[in-house]
Amino acid sequence: MLFPVRCFTCGAVIGHLWEKYLERVQRGENPAKVLDDLGVKRYCCRRMFLSHIEISREILRFPKIS
C-alpha cells in the first residue's frame, strides 16, 4: 500500500514528507524527533507515519494465479 497523500482524519497534506521521514528513521534517528523536525504536530497525522506498513513490495513478489 502506498503512503496516503492526506491524513485520513484531518485532511492535512503529509504525503510529501514520507520519504524524508523514512530516510531519517532508517539512519537510526528517533521517529518522534523526526516528526517534530518535519513539523508534524497533530497526533492523527503522526499516527499515519507511525502505523504505515509498506506491503506493496511484499505483494508484488507473488505471481498471479489464473
Protein backbone atom coordinates (compact mmCIF):
# COMPACT_ATOMS: atom_id res chain seq x y z
CA MET A 1 0.00 0.00 0.00
CA LEU A 2 1.24 3.46 -0.80
CA PHE A 3 1.58 6.14 1.84
CA PRO A 4 -1.51 8.38 1.76
CA VAL A 5 -1.25 11.92 0.42
CA ARG A 6 -3.52 13.31 3.13
CA CYS A 7 -4.21 12.42 6.74
CA PHE A 8 -7.38 10.33 6.96
CA THR A 9 -8.68 12.29 9.95
CA CYS A 10 -7.87 15.98 9.45
CA GLY A 11 -7.05 16.09 5.74
CA ALA A 12 -3.63 17.72 6.15
CA VAL A 13 -1.23 17.11 3.27
CA ILE A 14 1.52 14.79 4.56
CA GLY A 15 2.49 12.61 1.58
CA HIS A 16 5.47 14.74 0.61
CA LEU A 17 7.12 14.09 3.99
CA TRP A 18 7.13 10.28 3.83
CA GLU A 19 10.44 9.79 2.01
CA LYS A 20 12.25 12.29 4.27
CA TYR A 21 10.80 10.57 7.34
CA LEU A 22 11.69 7.07 6.14
CA GLU A 23 15.24 8.04 5.20
CA ARG A 24 15.96 9.62 8.58
CA VAL A 25 14.41 6.79 10.60
CA GLN A 26 16.39 4.19 8.65
CA ARG A 27 19.55 6.10 9.57
CA GLY A 28 18.67 5.48 13.22
CA GLU A 29 17.05 8.74 14.31
CA ASN A 30 14.21 8.76 16.82
CA PRO A 31 10.85 8.78 14.94
CA ALA A 32 9.31 11.27 17.37
CA LYS A 33 12.14 13.75 16.86
CA VAL A 34 11.98 13.33 13.08
CA LEU A 35 8.25 14.08 13.07
CA ASP A 36 8.85 17.15 15.26
CA ASP A 37 11.55 18.38 12.88
CA LEU A 38 9.31 17.85 9.86
CA GLY A 39 6.53 19.88 11.51
CA VAL A 40 4.04 17.05 12.02
CA LYS A 41 2.33 18.14 15.25
CA ARG A 42 -1.16 16.61 15.21
CA TYR A 43 -1.45 13.16 16.71
CA CYS A 44 -3.70 11.99 13.88
CA CYS A 45 -1.01 12.86 11.32
CA ARG A 46 1.73 11.32 13.44
CA ARG A 47 -0.31 8.13 13.58
CA MET A 48 -0.25 7.96 9.79
CA PHE A 49 3.55 7.82 9.81
CA LEU A 50 3.98 5.51 12.79
CA SER A 51 1.40 2.94 11.74
CA HIS A 52 2.11 2.75 7.99
CA ILE A 53 3.32 -0.62 6.69
CA GLU A 54 4.74 -0.85 3.16
CA ILE A 55 3.22 -4.06 1.78
CA SER A 56 3.24 -3.38 -1.96
CA ARG A 57 6.71 -4.88 -2.41
CA GLU A 58 5.62 -7.99 -0.50
CA ILE A 59 2.55 -8.44 -2.69
CA LEU A 60 4.49 -7.97 -5.92
CA ARG A 61 6.72 -10.95 -5.08
CA PHE A 62 3.88 -13.41 -5.62
CA PRO A 63 2.89 -14.40 -9.16
CA LYS A 64 -0.69 -14.01 -10.29
CA ILE A 65 -2.52 -17.34 -10.29
CA SER A 66 -5.02 -17.82 -13.13
